[in-house]
Every structure is written in C-alpha cells, then in structure tokens.
Protein backbone atom coordinates (compact mmCIF):
# COMPACT_ATOMS: atom_id res chain seq x y z
CA MET A 1 12.29 -3.93 10.84
CA ALA A 2 8.28 -2.82 12.20
CA SER A 3 9.31 0.70 12.36
CA LYS A 4 10.23 0.39 8.49
CA LYS A 5 6.89 -0.79 7.65
CA PHE A 6 4.94 1.85 9.14
CA ALA A 7 6.89 4.74 7.91
CA ILE A 8 6.11 2.79 4.49
CA ALA A 9 2.31 2.39 5.48
CA LYS A 10 2.36 6.16 6.73
CA GLN A 11 3.75 7.79 3.24
CA LEU A 12 0.61 6.06 1.46
CA GLY A 13 -1.66 8.15 3.83
CA GLY A 14 -3.56 10.90 1.26
CA ARG A 15 -2.68 9.18 -1.70
CA ARG A 16 -5.56 9.42 -4.24
CA VAL A 17 -7.51 5.80 -5.00
CA ILE A 18 -8.25 5.30 -8.76
CA THR A 19 -9.98 2.28 -10.31
CA ASN A 20 -8.41 0.81 -13.22
CA LYS A 21 -11.20 2.76 -15.62
CA GLY A 22 -9.71 6.51 -14.32
CA GLU A 23 -12.98 6.82 -11.36
CA GLU A 24 -11.13 8.66 -8.48
CA ILE A 25 -12.81 6.95 -5.69
CA GLY A 26 -11.00 8.50 -2.61
CA ARG A 27 -7.69 9.19 -0.64
CA LEU A 28 -6.45 6.28 1.40
CA ASN A 29 -6.95 7.41 5.05
CA ASP A 30 -5.99 4.04 7.11
CA ILE A 31 -5.28 0.58 6.82
CA LEU A 32 -7.00 -2.28 8.36
CA ILE A 33 -4.96 -5.37 9.29
CA ASP A 34 -5.78 -8.82 10.35
CA GLU A 35 -4.61 -8.92 13.98
CA LYS A 36 -3.92 -12.61 13.38
CA ASN A 37 -1.97 -13.22 10.72
CA GLY A 38 -0.72 -9.17 10.24
CA LYS A 39 -2.11 -9.15 6.67
CA ILE A 40 -3.62 -6.12 5.16
CA GLU A 41 -7.63 -6.42 4.65
CA SER A 42 -8.92 -3.23 3.14
CA PHE A 43 -7.84 0.38 2.82
CA LEU A 44 -10.16 2.71 4.37
CA LEU A 45 -10.63 5.90 2.19
CA GLU A 46 -11.78 9.48 2.54
CA PRO A 47 -14.55 8.97 -0.66
CA ASN A 48 -14.54 11.31 -3.26
CA ARG A 49 -18.02 12.72 -3.04
CA GLU A 50 -18.36 12.96 -7.25
CA SER A 51 -17.63 9.09 -7.50
CA ARG A 52 -20.54 7.08 -8.40
CA LEU A 53 -18.83 4.15 -7.17
CA ALA A 54 -17.94 5.44 -3.78
CA LYS A 55 -21.61 5.77 -3.09
CA ASN A 56 -22.29 2.27 -3.59
CA LEU A 57 -19.44 0.69 -1.67
CA THR A 58 -19.66 -0.45 2.06
CA THR A 59 -18.65 2.25 4.47
CA HIS A 60 -17.36 2.31 7.92
CA ASP A 61 -17.61 5.26 10.13
CA LYS A 62 -18.06 7.63 7.02
CA LEU A 63 -15.04 6.21 5.35
CA VAL A 64 -15.42 3.75 2.41
CA LEU A 65 -14.09 0.31 2.41
CA VAL A 66 -11.98 -1.25 -0.42
CA PRO A 67 -10.84 -4.68 -0.03
CA TYR A 68 -7.05 -5.00 -0.33
CA LYS A 69 -7.47 -7.92 -3.11
CA SER A 70 -8.67 -5.30 -5.76
CA VAL A 71 -5.46 -2.91 -5.13
CA PHE A 72 -2.77 -3.85 -8.14
CA ALA A 73 -0.78 -0.92 -8.41
CA VAL A 74 0.86 1.38 -5.68
CA SER A 75 2.81 4.70 -7.22
CA ASP A 76 1.66 8.23 -7.12
CA VAL A 77 -1.60 6.91 -7.00
CA ILE A 78 -3.12 3.86 -5.93
CA VAL A 79 -5.08 2.18 -8.25
CA VAL A 80 -7.89 -1.11 -7.76
CA ASP A 81 -9.50 -3.12 -10.04
CA GLU A 82 -13.16 -2.30 -10.31
CA SER A 83 -14.59 -5.68 -11.33
CA LEU A 84 -13.20 -6.66 -7.72
CA LEU A 85 -15.35 -3.70 -5.63
CA VAL A 86 -18.63 -4.77 -6.32
C-alpha cells in the first residue's frame, strides 16, 4: 500500500499551483509530512518569479512553503485558497 501512495505523490511533482483567483504561484517540488502522524503539512513549490504572492510567502531553501490546509483541489493543477496563504 505504501508504494501506491508514493506513486501518487510522485505523479503530483511538477504540477502548477494556482490560487482560487487564478494566480500561478509555482510548481510542486516536494511535500512535507509530519513524521509522527504521517499527515501532510505543506507543499514546497518552485516559485513563479512573476508571482507577487509567491514573493511574500515563507521560503525554505529557495522553495515556497504552502500550507496543506490551503489546498482545496487537485487535478491537472493544484488550487489553493489565497486567503489561507497570508
């Protein structure tokens, strides 16, 4: 079962992340998971250099941190609620 979860997470890599207002803030690079409970904490994005919002978000090793609680749709793109980012 764990290998199936890994495969699904791996397929998400590189997907565009946009806000509910249509601004592209970056592309998914990695996922941070709480080691104690196994829950997703946040997504790490390669920031879109043209995004005003990405410039204001917390960074970690030049990647933008997006809290998982802000994610509300995942398909061809990942959509996040802009109001939960700031």
